[in-house]
Protein backbone atom coordinates (compact mmCIF):
# COMPACT_ATOMS: atom_id res chain seq x y z
CA MET A 1 -13.35 18.59 6.55
CA THR A 2 -10.75 19.99 4.18
CA TRP A 3 -7.93 17.56 3.31
CA GLU A 4 -4.54 18.79 2.17
CA ALA A 5 -1.77 16.73 0.61
CA PRO A 6 1.32 16.53 2.96
CA VAL A 7 3.69 17.65 0.23
CA LYS A 8 6.30 19.06 2.56
CA ASP A 9 6.72 15.80 4.49
CA LEU A 10 6.64 13.77 1.26
CA LEU A 11 9.49 15.84 -0.22
CA PHE A 12 11.43 15.52 2.98
CA ASN A 13 11.19 11.83 2.91
CA ILE A 14 12.15 11.67 -0.80
CA ALA A 15 15.21 13.67 0.04
CA LEU A 16 15.95 11.35 2.97
CA ALA A 17 15.52 8.17 0.92
CA ALA A 18 17.55 9.37 -2.09
CA PRO A 19 19.84 12.22 -1.03
CA GLY A 20 21.15 14.16 -4.04
CA GLU A 21 19.65 11.70 -6.52
CA ILE A 22 16.35 13.40 -7.34
CA ASP A 23 15.48 16.87 -8.63
CA LEU A 24 13.46 18.01 -5.69
CA ASP A 25 12.35 21.26 -7.40
CA THR A 26 10.68 19.25 -10.17
CA ALA A 27 9.20 16.79 -7.68
CA ALA A 28 7.80 19.67 -5.68
CA VAL A 29 6.09 21.21 -8.71
CA VAL A 30 4.61 17.88 -9.70
CA LEU A 31 3.34 16.87 -6.19
CA GLU A 32 2.01 20.33 -5.36
CA GLU A 33 0.02 20.45 -8.60
CA PHE A 34 -1.21 16.90 -8.17
CA GLY A 35 -2.11 17.67 -4.58
CA ARG A 36 -4.19 20.62 -5.70
CA PHE A 37 -5.91 18.45 -8.40
CA CYS A 38 -6.75 15.71 -5.89
CA ALA A 39 -7.97 18.10 -3.22
CA GLU A 40 -10.24 19.89 -5.68
CA GLU A 41 -11.44 17.12 -7.96
CA ILE A 42 -11.06 13.75 -6.21
CA ALA A 43 -11.32 14.26 -2.44
CA PRO A 44 -14.81 15.81 -2.60
CA LEU A 45 -16.15 12.61 -4.14
CA ASN A 46 -14.94 10.38 -1.27
CA LEU A 47 -17.86 10.58 1.19
CA PRO A 48 -20.72 10.84 -1.38
CA GLY A 49 -19.14 8.04 -3.44
CA ASP A 50 -19.06 5.79 -0.37
CA ARG A 51 -22.83 6.53 0.30
CA GLU A 52 -23.88 5.97 -3.35
CA GLY A 53 -21.55 3.06 -4.26
CA SER A 54 -21.17 1.55 -7.68
CA ARG A 55 -24.16 -0.18 -9.36
CA CYS A 56 -24.43 -3.16 -11.61
CA ASP A 57 -27.39 -3.52 -14.03
CA ALA A 58 -27.40 -6.33 -16.58
CA GLY A 59 -23.63 -6.54 -16.61
CA ARG A 60 -23.07 -2.80 -16.95
CA VAL A 61 -21.41 -1.13 -13.97
CA THR A 62 -21.96 2.57 -13.20
CA THR A 63 -19.57 4.30 -10.79
CA PRO A 64 -20.81 7.04 -8.39
CA GLY A 65 -21.69 10.51 -9.56
CA GLY A 66 -18.67 12.63 -10.37
CA PHE A 67 -16.28 9.71 -10.82
CA ARG A 68 -16.37 9.61 -14.61
CA ALA A 69 -15.84 13.40 -15.01
CA ALA A 70 -12.99 13.29 -12.49
CA TYR A 71 -11.35 10.34 -14.19
CA THR A 72 -11.52 12.09 -17.54
CA LYS A 73 -9.62 15.09 -16.11
CA PHE A 74 -7.17 12.68 -14.46
CA VAL A 75 -6.39 11.15 -17.91
CA GLU A 76 -6.33 14.52 -19.75
CA MET A 77 -3.70 15.81 -17.28
CA GLY A 78 -1.51 12.75 -17.73
CA TRP A 79 -1.43 11.66 -14.11
CA GLN A 80 -1.52 7.97 -14.74
CA GLY A 81 1.88 8.13 -16.52
CA LEU A 82 3.86 9.87 -13.75
CA PRO A 83 6.22 6.90 -12.87
CA HIS A 84 6.11 5.11 -16.21
CA PRO A 85 8.64 5.17 -19.08
CA MET A 86 8.57 8.03 -21.52
CA GLU A 87 8.88 5.63 -24.48
CA TYR A 88 5.28 4.66 -23.82
CA GLY A 89 4.01 8.22 -23.10
CA GLY A 90 4.81 8.37 -19.39
CA GLN A 91 6.76 11.00 -17.52
CA GLY A 92 9.55 8.75 -16.32
CA LEU A 93 9.62 10.12 -12.79
CA PRO A 94 11.43 8.12 -10.04
CA ARG A 95 9.50 5.55 -8.00
CA THR A 96 9.92 7.69 -4.89
CA VAL A 97 7.89 10.45 -6.56
CA GLY A 98 5.41 7.93 -7.86
CA ALA A 99 4.97 6.54 -4.37
CA ALA A 100 4.30 10.03 -3.08
CA ALA A 101 1.79 10.70 -5.79
CA GLY A 102 0.11 7.36 -5.01
CA GLU A 103 -0.29 8.35 -1.37
CA ILE A 104 -1.82 11.67 -2.29
CA LEU A 105 -4.40 10.03 -4.69
CA ASN A 106 -5.36 7.35 -2.18
CA ALA A 107 -5.67 9.79 0.68
CA ALA A 108 -8.01 11.89 -1.43
CA ASN A 109 -10.20 8.93 -2.38
CA MET A 110 -9.14 5.34 -1.95
CA SER A 111 -12.05 3.86 -3.95
CA PHE A 112 -11.21 6.09 -6.92
CA ALA A 113 -7.46 5.42 -6.65
CA LEU A 114 -7.94 1.67 -6.85
CA CYS A 115 -8.48 1.99 -10.64
CA PRO A 116 -5.18 3.63 -11.43
CA LEU A 117 -3.45 1.36 -8.90
CA LEU A 118 -4.35 -1.82 -10.74
CA THR A 119 -3.51 -0.21 -14.10
CA ASP A 120 -0.02 0.51 -12.70
CA GLY A 121 0.40 -3.18 -11.96
CA ALA A 122 -0.74 -4.21 -15.45
CA ILE A 123 1.73 -1.85 -17.00
CA GLU A 124 4.62 -3.36 -14.94
CA ALA A 125 3.70 -6.91 -15.94
CA LEU A 126 3.36 -6.09 -19.65
CA ARG A 127 6.61 -4.03 -19.62
CA HIS A 128 8.53 -7.02 -18.28
CA PHE A 129 6.86 -9.93 -20.03
CA GLY A 130 4.62 -8.72 -22.88
CA SER A 131 5.64 -9.24 -26.48
CA ASP A 132 6.77 -6.30 -28.53
CA GLN A 133 3.40 -6.26 -30.26
CA MET A 134 1.55 -6.27 -26.92
CA LYS A 135 3.66 -3.39 -25.71
CA ALA A 136 3.07 -1.37 -28.77
CA VAL A 137 -0.70 -1.86 -28.71
CA TYR A 138 -1.51 -1.80 -24.97
CA LEU A 139 1.14 0.13 -23.12
CA PRO A 140 0.57 3.62 -24.59
CA ASN A 141 -3.17 3.32 -23.82
CA LEU A 142 -2.64 1.97 -20.30
CA VAL A 143 0.06 4.56 -19.48
CA ALA A 144 -2.22 7.30 -20.74
CA GLY A 145 -5.09 5.95 -18.66
CA ARG A 146 -7.35 5.69 -21.66
CA TRP A 147 -7.55 1.91 -20.88
CA THR A 148 -7.36 0.46 -17.44
CA GLY A 149 -5.96 -2.87 -16.14
CA THR A 150 -7.00 -5.58 -13.76
CA MET A 151 -5.49 -8.64 -12.09
CA ASN A 152 -7.56 -11.83 -12.24
CA LEU A 153 -6.37 -14.52 -9.74
CA THR A 154 -9.09 -15.40 -7.28
CA GLU A 155 -11.92 -17.92 -8.01
CA PRO A 156 -14.82 -19.00 -5.86
CA GLN A 157 -13.01 -22.20 -4.71
CA ALA A 158 -9.45 -20.71 -4.81
CA GLY A 159 -8.41 -17.77 -2.68
CA SER A 160 -4.72 -17.38 -1.94
CA ASP A 161 -4.10 -21.03 -2.90
CA LEU A 162 -3.59 -20.57 -6.65
CA ALA A 163 -2.86 -24.32 -7.10
CA LEU A 164 -6.70 -24.72 -7.02
CA LEU A 165 -7.41 -22.53 -10.11
CA ARG A 166 -9.82 -24.01 -12.66
CA THR A 167 -10.15 -21.38 -15.30
CA ARG A 168 -9.34 -23.05 -18.64
CA ALA A 169 -7.36 -21.74 -21.62
CA GLU A 170 -7.64 -23.66 -24.90
CA ALA A 171 -5.18 -22.88 -27.67
CA GLN A 172 -6.53 -21.63 -31.00
CA GLY A 173 -3.19 -21.04 -32.70
CA ASP A 174 -0.93 -17.97 -33.10
CA GLY A 175 -0.89 -17.28 -29.42
CA ILE A 176 -4.68 -16.99 -29.17
CA TYR A 177 -6.63 -18.91 -26.52
CA ARG A 178 -10.25 -19.34 -25.49
CA ILE A 179 -10.65 -18.49 -21.79
CA THR A 180 -13.47 -20.01 -19.77
CA GLY A 181 -14.08 -19.65 -16.02
CA THR A 182 -15.24 -17.38 -13.23
CA LYS A 183 -13.04 -14.94 -11.38
CA ILE A 184 -14.12 -13.04 -8.22
CA PHE A 185 -12.94 -9.96 -6.25
CA ILE A 186 -11.81 -8.25 -9.51
CA THR A 187 -11.33 -4.59 -8.69
CA TYR A 188 -12.67 -2.37 -11.43
CA GLY A 189 -13.30 -5.46 -13.49
CA GLU A 190 -16.14 -3.59 -15.21
CA HIS A 191 -16.81 0.17 -15.06
CA ASP A 192 -17.80 3.24 -17.02
CA LEU A 193 -14.60 5.35 -16.69
CA ALA A 194 -12.46 4.22 -19.60
CA GLU A 195 -12.76 2.96 -23.13
CA ASN A 196 -11.39 -0.49 -22.47
CA VAL A 197 -10.43 -2.84 -19.61
CA ILE A 198 -7.40 -5.01 -20.00
CA HIS A 199 -7.61 -8.15 -17.86
CA LEU A 200 -4.55 -10.12 -16.92
CA VAL A 201 -5.92 -13.62 -16.27
CA LEU A 202 -4.39 -16.72 -14.69
CA ALA A 203 -5.62 -19.93 -16.30
CA ARG A 204 -4.65 -23.52 -17.13
CA THR A 205 -4.15 -25.12 -20.50
CA PRO A 206 -5.63 -28.66 -20.83
CA ASP A 207 -2.23 -30.49 -20.56
CA ALA A 208 -0.75 -28.19 -17.91
CA PRO A 209 1.06 -29.76 -14.90
CA ARG A 210 -0.89 -29.83 -11.68
CA GLY A 211 -0.44 -27.14 -9.04
CA VAL A 212 1.05 -23.70 -9.43
CA LYS A 213 3.56 -24.92 -12.01
CA GLY A 214 0.73 -25.33 -14.49
CA ILE A 215 -0.56 -21.77 -14.45
CA SER A 216 -0.28 -19.42 -17.49
CA LEU A 217 -1.00 -15.74 -17.86
CA PHE A 218 -3.24 -14.30 -20.54
CA LEU A 219 -4.18 -10.80 -21.71
CA VAL A 220 -7.95 -10.63 -22.21
CA PRO A 221 -9.30 -7.29 -23.28
CA LYS A 222 -12.88 -6.19 -22.75
CA VAL A 223 -12.82 -4.75 -26.27
CA LEU A 224 -10.83 -6.73 -28.88
CA PRO A 225 -8.46 -5.02 -31.35
CA ASP A 226 -11.06 -5.18 -34.08
CA GLY A 227 -13.51 -3.13 -31.92
CA SER A 228 -15.87 -6.02 -31.00
CA ARG A 229 -16.83 -6.85 -27.45
CA ASN A 230 -15.03 -9.81 -25.93
CA ARG A 231 -16.97 -12.67 -24.16
CA VAL A 232 -16.27 -11.49 -20.63
CA THR A 233 -19.20 -10.18 -18.56
CA CYS A 234 -19.79 -8.86 -15.08
CA GLN A 235 -22.16 -11.16 -13.25
CA SER A 236 -22.40 -8.91 -10.14
CA ILE A 237 -20.54 -6.60 -7.85
CA GLU A 238 -19.82 -7.20 -4.16
CA HIS A 239 -21.45 -5.27 -1.30
CA LYS A 240 -18.52 -4.44 0.92
CA LEU A 241 -17.63 -3.14 4.41
CA GLY A 242 -15.53 -0.35 2.82
CA VAL A 243 -14.23 1.11 -0.43
CA ARG A 244 -17.86 0.92 -1.54
CA ALA A 245 -17.46 3.22 -4.53
CA SER A 246 -14.97 0.81 -6.07
CA PRO A 247 -16.67 -1.91 -8.08
CA THR A 248 -15.42 -5.34 -6.99
CA CYS A 249 -16.66 -7.68 -9.72
CA VAL A 250 -17.54 -11.26 -10.33
CA LEU A 251 -16.37 -11.85 -13.96
CA ASN A 252 -17.51 -14.71 -16.21
CA TYR A 253 -15.27 -15.71 -19.12
CA GLU A 254 -17.22 -17.68 -21.72
CA GLY A 255 -14.77 -18.66 -24.36
CA ALA A 256 -13.28 -15.18 -24.27
CA THR A 257 -10.39 -14.39 -26.59
CA GLY A 258 -7.14 -14.24 -24.68
CA PHE A 259 -3.52 -13.71 -25.78
CA LEU A 260 -0.72 -15.70 -24.07
CA ILE A 261 1.81 -13.57 -22.23
CA GLY A 262 5.31 -15.09 -22.42
CA SER A 263 5.39 -18.92 -22.18
CA GLU A 264 2.77 -21.45 -21.09
CA ASN A 265 3.05 -22.55 -17.40
CA ALA A 266 5.16 -19.49 -16.30
CA GLY A 267 2.15 -17.38 -15.50
CA LEU A 268 2.66 -17.20 -11.79
CA GLU A 269 6.19 -15.93 -12.16
CA TYR A 270 4.89 -13.21 -14.47
CA MET A 271 1.96 -12.36 -12.19
CA PHE A 272 4.32 -11.92 -9.27
CA THR A 273 5.60 -8.76 -10.84
CA MET A 274 2.10 -7.30 -10.85
CA MET A 275 1.38 -8.68 -7.42
CA ASN A 276 4.51 -7.16 -5.92
CA ALA A 277 3.69 -3.74 -7.43
CA ALA A 278 0.16 -4.06 -6.06
CA ARG A 279 1.40 -5.11 -2.60
CA PHE A 280 3.62 -2.11 -2.37
CA ALA A 281 0.79 0.14 -3.55
CA VAL A 282 -1.54 -1.32 -0.92
CA GLY A 283 1.04 -0.45 1.72
CA ILE A 284 0.96 3.12 0.30
CA GLN A 285 -2.82 3.05 0.70
CA GLY A 286 -2.25 2.28 4.38
CA VAL A 287 -0.10 5.43 4.77
CA ALA A 288 -2.72 7.41 2.77
CA ILE A 289 -5.70 6.48 4.83
CA SER A 290 -3.72 7.04 8.03
CA GLU A 291 -2.90 10.60 6.81
CA ARG A 292 -6.52 11.27 5.93
CA ALA A 293 -7.78 10.05 9.32
CA SER A 294 -5.03 11.93 11.17
CA GLN A 295 -5.89 15.25 9.49
CA GLN A 296 -9.54 14.81 10.27
CA ALA A 297 -8.96 13.80 13.91
CA LEU A 298 -6.64 16.77 14.46
CA ALA A 299 -9.14 19.24 13.05
CA TYR A 300 -11.98 17.73 15.22
CA ALA A 301 -9.79 17.81 18.37
CA LYS A 302 -9.11 21.49 17.84
CA SER A 303 -12.79 22.37 17.40
CA ARG A 304 -14.59 20.11 19.88
CA LEU A 305 -15.10 21.76 23.25
CA GLN A 306 -15.55 19.33 26.13
CA GLY A 307 -14.27 18.95 29.69
CA ARG A 308 -12.14 21.23 31.91
CA PRO A 309 -8.33 20.88 31.71
CA VAL A 310 -6.80 18.65 34.44
CA ASP A 311 -4.34 21.38 35.45
CA GLY A 312 -7.14 23.85 36.24
CA SER A 313 -5.88 26.40 33.69
CA ALA A 314 -9.43 27.15 32.53
CA ALA A 315 -12.73 27.32 34.35
CA GLY A 316 -14.87 26.08 31.49
CA ALA A 317 -14.74 23.52 28.68
CA VAL A 318 -11.76 23.53 26.40
CA ALA A 319 -10.96 21.99 23.02
CA ILE A 320 -10.27 18.30 23.63
CA ILE A 321 -6.82 18.66 22.13
CA GLN A 322 -5.74 20.05 25.51
CA HIS A 323 -6.47 16.78 27.30
CA PRO A 324 -3.43 14.55 27.76
CA ASP A 325 -4.96 11.34 26.45
CA VAL A 326 -6.26 13.00 23.25
CA ARG A 327 -2.81 14.41 22.73
CA ARG A 328 -1.41 10.85 23.18
CA MET A 329 -3.74 9.48 20.53
CA LEU A 330 -3.10 12.37 18.08
CA SER A 331 0.68 11.93 18.60
CA GLN A 332 0.44 8.22 18.02
CA MET A 333 -1.53 8.81 14.77
CA ARG A 334 0.99 11.36 13.52
CA ALA A 335 4.11 9.42 14.54
CA THR A 336 2.80 6.18 13.10
CA THR A 337 1.75 7.81 9.80
CA GLU A 338 5.00 9.67 9.31
CA ALA A 339 7.11 6.54 10.18
CA CYS A 340 5.16 4.42 7.72
CA ARG A 341 5.46 7.09 5.05
CA ALA A 342 9.26 7.13 5.56
CA LEU A 343 9.40 3.31 5.36
CA ALA A 344 7.43 3.29 2.08
CA VAL A 345 9.50 5.97 0.42
CA LEU A 346 12.68 4.22 1.60
CA ALA A 347 11.49 1.06 -0.24
CA ALA A 348 10.80 3.12 -3.30
CA GLY A 349 14.29 4.58 -3.11
CA TRP A 350 15.87 1.12 -3.12
CA GLN A 351 13.72 0.25 -6.13
CA ASP A 352 15.01 3.31 -7.92
CA ARG A 353 18.60 2.18 -7.16
CA GLY A 354 17.92 -1.25 -8.56
CA ASP A 355 18.89 -2.98 -5.25
CA ALA A 356 16.63 -6.01 -5.54
CA ALA A 357 17.56 -7.62 -2.18
CA MET A 358 16.83 -4.47 -0.17
CA ALA A 359 13.66 -3.51 -2.11
CA GLU A 360 12.28 -7.04 -1.88
CA PHE A 361 12.96 -7.31 1.85
CA LEU A 362 11.10 -4.03 2.48
CA VAL A 363 8.00 -4.67 0.30
CA PRO A 364 6.32 -7.15 2.80
CA LEU A 365 7.14 -4.59 5.56
CA VAL A 366 5.42 -1.80 3.65
CA LYS A 367 2.44 -4.07 2.83
CA GLY A 368 2.11 -5.78 6.21
CA PHE A 369 3.21 -3.23 8.79
CA CYS A 370 1.79 -0.10 7.09
CA THR A 371 -1.69 -1.67 6.61
CA GLU A 372 -1.92 -3.11 10.09
CA MET A 373 -0.96 0.34 11.43
CA ALA A 374 -3.60 1.98 9.18
CA VAL A 375 -6.34 -0.08 11.03
CA LEU A 376 -4.95 1.12 14.34
CA VAL A 377 -4.62 4.76 13.25
CA THR A 378 -8.13 4.95 11.82
CA SER A 379 -9.49 3.29 14.86
CA LEU A 380 -7.84 6.03 17.01
CA GLY A 381 -9.41 8.54 14.66
CA VAL A 382 -12.88 7.16 15.55
CA GLN A 383 -11.95 7.15 19.25
CA ILE A 384 -10.95 10.88 19.20
CA HIS A 385 -14.29 11.66 17.67
CA GLY A 386 -16.02 9.79 20.49
CA GLY A 387 -19.64 9.01 19.82
CA MET A 388 -19.52 11.20 16.77
CA GLY A 389 -16.91 8.87 15.28
CA PHE A 390 -19.42 6.03 15.32
CA ILE A 391 -21.81 8.03 13.18
CA GLU A 392 -21.30 7.89 9.42
CA GLU A 393 -21.94 11.56 8.75
CA THR A 394 -18.64 12.64 10.26
CA GLY A 395 -16.63 10.49 7.88
CA ALA A 396 -14.32 9.04 10.55
CA ALA A 397 -16.00 5.64 10.35
CA GLN A 398 -15.49 5.44 6.62
CA HIS A 399 -11.73 5.73 7.01
CA TYR A 400 -11.86 2.86 9.47
CA ARG A 401 -14.02 0.75 7.14
CA ASP A 402 -11.85 1.52 4.14
CA ALA A 403 -8.69 0.62 6.06
CA ARG A 404 -9.91 -2.81 7.08
CA ILE A 405 -9.46 -4.36 3.71
CA LEU A 406 -5.82 -3.38 3.47
CA PRO A 407 -4.28 -6.18 5.66
CA ILE A 408 -6.36 -8.64 3.58
CA TYR A 409 -6.24 -8.08 -0.12
CA GLU A 410 -3.13 -8.57 -2.29
CA GLY A 411 -1.92 -11.12 0.32
CA THR A 412 -2.95 -11.12 3.97
CA THR A 413 -0.53 -9.95 6.61
CA ALA A 414 0.32 -13.58 7.38
CA ILE A 415 1.21 -14.20 3.74
CA GLN A 416 3.47 -11.20 3.82
CA ALA A 417 5.04 -12.49 7.01
CA ASN A 418 5.65 -15.88 5.52
CA ASP A 419 7.27 -14.20 2.51
CA LEU A 420 9.49 -12.06 4.70
CA LEU A 421 10.59 -15.02 6.76
CA GLY A 422 11.00 -17.65 4.07
CA ARG A 423 12.09 -15.87 0.93
CA LYS A 424 13.69 -12.77 2.40
CA THR A 425 15.29 -13.96 5.59
CA LEU A 426 15.86 -17.77 5.73
CA ARG A 427 16.77 -18.09 2.08
CA ASP A 428 19.78 -15.83 2.35
CA GLY A 429 20.74 -16.89 5.90
CA GLY A 430 19.73 -13.44 7.29
CA ALA A 431 22.26 -11.57 5.07
CA THR A 432 19.89 -8.79 4.08
CA ALA A 433 18.58 -8.47 7.64
CA THR A 434 22.21 -8.11 8.83
CA ARG A 435 22.87 -5.49 6.21
CA ILE A 436 20.00 -3.48 7.59
CA THR A 437 21.13 -3.76 11.21
CA GLU A 438 24.55 -2.55 10.19
CA MET A 439 23.13 0.54 8.68
CA ILE A 440 20.92 1.09 11.73
CA ALA A 441 24.02 0.90 13.97
CA GLU A 442 25.61 3.67 11.90
CA THR A 443 22.60 5.85 12.58
CA GLU A 444 22.78 5.09 16.30
CA ALA A 445 26.41 6.21 16.41
CA ALA A 446 25.71 9.41 14.62
CA LEU A 447 22.81 10.20 16.95
CA SER A 448 24.84 9.40 20.07
CA GLY A 449 26.94 12.49 19.64
CA GLY A 450 23.94 14.81 19.17
CA SER A 451 21.42 16.60 21.32
CA PRO A 452 19.79 14.96 24.40
CA ALA A 453 16.78 14.14 22.24
CA ALA A 454 19.03 12.50 19.68
CA GLN A 455 20.85 10.47 22.34
CA ASP A 456 17.53 9.29 23.71
CA ILE A 457 16.38 8.17 20.29
CA ALA A 458 19.75 6.41 19.71
CA ALA A 459 19.33 4.39 22.91
CA ARG A 460 15.75 3.30 22.03
CA LEU A 461 16.83 2.45 18.44
CA GLY A 462 19.70 0.37 19.76
CA ALA A 463 17.42 -1.67 21.99
CA ALA A 464 15.03 -2.27 19.16
CA ARG A 465 17.90 -3.33 16.83
CA GLN A 466 19.03 -5.86 19.46
CA ASP A 467 15.48 -7.26 19.66
CA PHE A 468 15.59 -7.72 15.88
CA GLU A 469 18.99 -9.34 15.87
CA ALA A 470 18.04 -11.79 18.56
CA THR A 471 14.82 -12.66 16.76
CA VAL A 472 16.52 -13.25 13.44
CA ALA A 473 19.13 -15.47 15.15
CA TYR A 474 16.30 -17.53 16.77
CA LEU A 475 14.38 -17.91 13.55
CA LEU A 476 17.45 -19.11 11.60
CA ALA A 477 17.89 -21.90 14.09
CA ALA A 478 14.19 -22.69 14.80
CA SER A 479 12.14 -25.60 13.42
CA PRO A 480 9.76 -24.76 10.55
CA ASN A 481 6.68 -24.74 12.87
CA GLU A 482 8.44 -22.62 15.42
CA ALA A 483 9.72 -20.19 12.80
CA TYR A 484 6.50 -19.72 10.87
CA GLY A 485 4.50 -19.53 14.11
CA GLY A 486 6.50 -16.39 14.85
CA ALA A 487 6.44 -14.99 11.31
CA LEU A 488 3.85 -12.39 11.91
CA PRO A 489 5.32 -10.82 15.09
CA TYR A 490 8.67 -10.92 13.29
CA LEU A 491 7.17 -8.85 10.44
CA MET A 492 5.70 -6.37 12.95
CA LEU A 493 9.02 -6.19 14.73
CA ALA A 494 10.92 -5.57 11.51
CA GLY A 495 8.41 -3.04 10.22
CA ASN A 496 8.49 -1.10 13.49
CA LEU A 497 12.26 -1.10 13.62
CA VAL A 498 12.84 0.03 10.01
CA ALA A 499 10.07 2.73 10.35
CA GLY A 500 11.66 3.90 13.65
CA TRP A 501 15.08 3.87 12.00
CA GLN A 502 13.79 6.26 9.35
CA MET A 503 12.32 8.53 12.06
CA ALA A 504 15.69 8.56 13.71
CA ARG A 505 17.40 9.41 10.39
CA SER A 506 15.00 12.30 10.08
CA VAL A 507 16.44 13.72 13.31
CA LEU A 508 19.91 13.64 11.89
CA ALA A 509 18.69 15.41 8.73
CA GLY A 510 16.89 17.88 10.95
CA GLU A 511 19.98 18.81 12.95
CA ALA A 512 21.81 19.57 9.72
CA PHE A 513 18.78 21.13 7.97
CA ALA A 514 18.85 24.87 7.31
CA GLY A 515 15.32 25.13 5.97
CA ASP A 516 11.99 25.23 7.81
CA ARG A 517 12.94 25.34 11.52
CA ASP A 518 9.46 24.85 12.82
CA PHE A 519 8.93 21.80 10.54
CA MET A 520 12.16 20.23 11.83
CA ILE A 521 11.34 20.96 15.46
CA ALA A 522 8.03 19.14 15.03
CA LYS A 523 9.75 16.27 13.09
CA THR A 524 12.21 15.77 15.92
CA ALA A 525 9.42 15.79 18.53
CA THR A 526 7.45 13.25 16.49
CA ALA A 527 10.54 11.03 16.14
CA ARG A 528 11.16 11.15 19.90
CA PHE A 529 7.52 10.17 20.57
CA TYR A 530 7.85 7.26 18.19
CA ALA A 531 11.10 6.18 19.91
CA ASN A 532 9.53 6.26 23.35
CA HIS A 533 5.97 5.10 22.72
CA ILE A 534 5.99 2.87 19.66
CA LEU A 535 9.48 1.53 19.03
CA PRO A 536 9.67 -0.30 22.45
CA GLU A 537 7.00 -2.69 21.13
CA THR A 538 9.82 -4.56 19.41
CA GLY A 539 10.51 -6.18 22.81
CA LEU A 540 6.99 -7.52 22.93
CA GLN A 541 7.24 -8.93 19.43
CA ARG A 542 10.66 -10.53 20.25
CA ALA A 543 9.00 -12.26 23.27
CA ARG A 544 6.18 -13.51 21.08
CA VAL A 545 8.50 -15.09 18.65
CA ILE A 546 11.02 -16.54 21.06
CA GLN A 547 9.19 -17.19 24.34
CA GLY A 548 5.84 -17.67 22.70
CA ALA A 549 6.64 -20.54 20.40
CA ALA A 550 5.89 -23.37 22.79
CA SER A 551 2.49 -21.96 23.95
CA LEU A 552 1.53 -21.33 20.32
CA LEU A 553 2.31 -24.85 19.17
CA ASP A 554 0.72 -26.42 22.26
CA ALA A 555 -2.57 -24.47 21.99
CA ALA A 556 -5.61 -26.74 22.11
CA PHE A 557 -8.82 -26.04 20.15
């Protein structure tokens, strides 16, 4: 099928997230051109890349056919630098536009997009914590895309528990260290797309404190500044359920030359900058794969003839889009995708404003809620295809397989939920959560004086807000086991509410919008579907947190 970047909806959400703050004409030109590039150069590689996969031979990794040529064009056109500072060769565009571009690239080809995604994270970490010399040498090349970046945390014995890391770093003087150890699950840890790969590696010095307080961060290039090859090799690549074209490497460091970033034993703090950037980007991936699956499901539903209509309006078979349950699934896919997009762009807007509390509260929602919804949306896409969806040739199954990693990597949904509860809710006594509910109440009040559809949405939004408020109050008073036992449904409740709030805000914008009337009619209809079919699930999540605590803690195994 032909995929098209949803530029109109992306621009609408950028305007909604940052009214009057962004040059929408410039954003439109950039996103339309990038959408064309991705549709023509990147998207056609998605299905064949999945079938071929990347290959590893004696430590050398070869990406699927077409990837290298497409990446060369990607670099030549300067796409890597869209959201990065001009002082390092980037274009300095707002994060909202960068998020939109990230969705476009990931929808075109998630496996391909993972390479620029990790490079973005490395750029953020070096911008904040690298020395002036590091910035001068590495940032221009990373921003240009000539070099790519990776994030090296996980080891065979240490997954999310970084206190168990064993990789060693031995000082050689002048900030140079010898790095020895094995890292696994390293996305694009070795490949044939770029001249150099810049690894950001967590390791321990010999006298470091135990636990996470003894972790340092090192820059370990594949090719050293003198042009020689560093002592880091790819042992193998993983054979995965999805994103098969992306090489996920096992890397061996055998006394490799590394350069200390910042101070010893502060590495986890530094890495969190890269991790947060990656978590937000993975949430964008969830929106992207949902959009790709939704477009494919809609096209199939319009073309597949099967079954007579239940109202007897035709004697023979009709396109399945005319059947009520198919329309339900298509509507759920569209509404969920558009709501998650609005949530993600909202978070980017708060990042642009420099409001750390709001941006940090929203990141686990974008990562956790949008990726869980991506699994649901892509599953619905398979369901709409029926038996053909279970066959690889249609491509619907690939979207489902690709989506399944999203709630896992860069911190599982439970990790996001614990972060939302502990660091973002309990730590400030619910202050940021209360700030959000106050803004939601303002939206309710504005909707209440509008059309019948707006009033309906206002009522549904108000009920969801009350579910959220009651849940936050319970969690603030609960015991640790009770609170963290409800962390995941709390995250899903919060994500649903904030996404639904943005859909409600889109109706307000629509009623005052003098542009594309058909677009706004469809947007209002989608928002109403979300309010009636998806937003009420906040009541279920509230019950799971508050009424479900005892049965969860008493469960026997």
